[in-house]
Amino acid sequence: QVQLQESGPGLLKPSQTLFLSCSISGGSIGMKDSSWVWIRQPPGKGLEYIGTLTDRGDIYFSSSFKGRTSISRVTAKNQVTLQLNSVTPEDTAVYFCAGRKGYYICLADVCDVGKSTFEWWGQGTQVTVSS
């Protein structure tokens, strides 16, 4: 059974860089035709799709996050990472990594994702941006 676990700092100041890691167990980041995604949920709001890393190493972002976001993989550690630059209080959210068999790609400003869109979910990690 695939399990995901996010890790990273819980508190940041505005303008700092957020760096999160997602460790994958029970499966490989290179699993054929897989997608590994980052999603967040701001307080009182719905799920916001950030971006995807595929098994082939292709990376895609929602246009809302493109430009200040990076996603990468650390194959040796079976991890996918997220970097979000120049954070503001509006980046306060619970950040999730998730995955599924089959590609998920969305380039729009807003991507309609729900719990059923992905097979595997991490428990989420709270990130708060405050001065």
Foldseek 3Di string as FASTA:
>chain_A
DKAKAKDFDAEAAFQAKTKMKIFIPPDAQLPPQKKKFKWWAAPPGDIFTAWIQHSVRDIAGALLQPPQKDWGDDRVRRMIMIMGGRDDQVPFTWMKMFMARHDDHDHHNGDDDDPVVGDYIYPTGTHGYHD
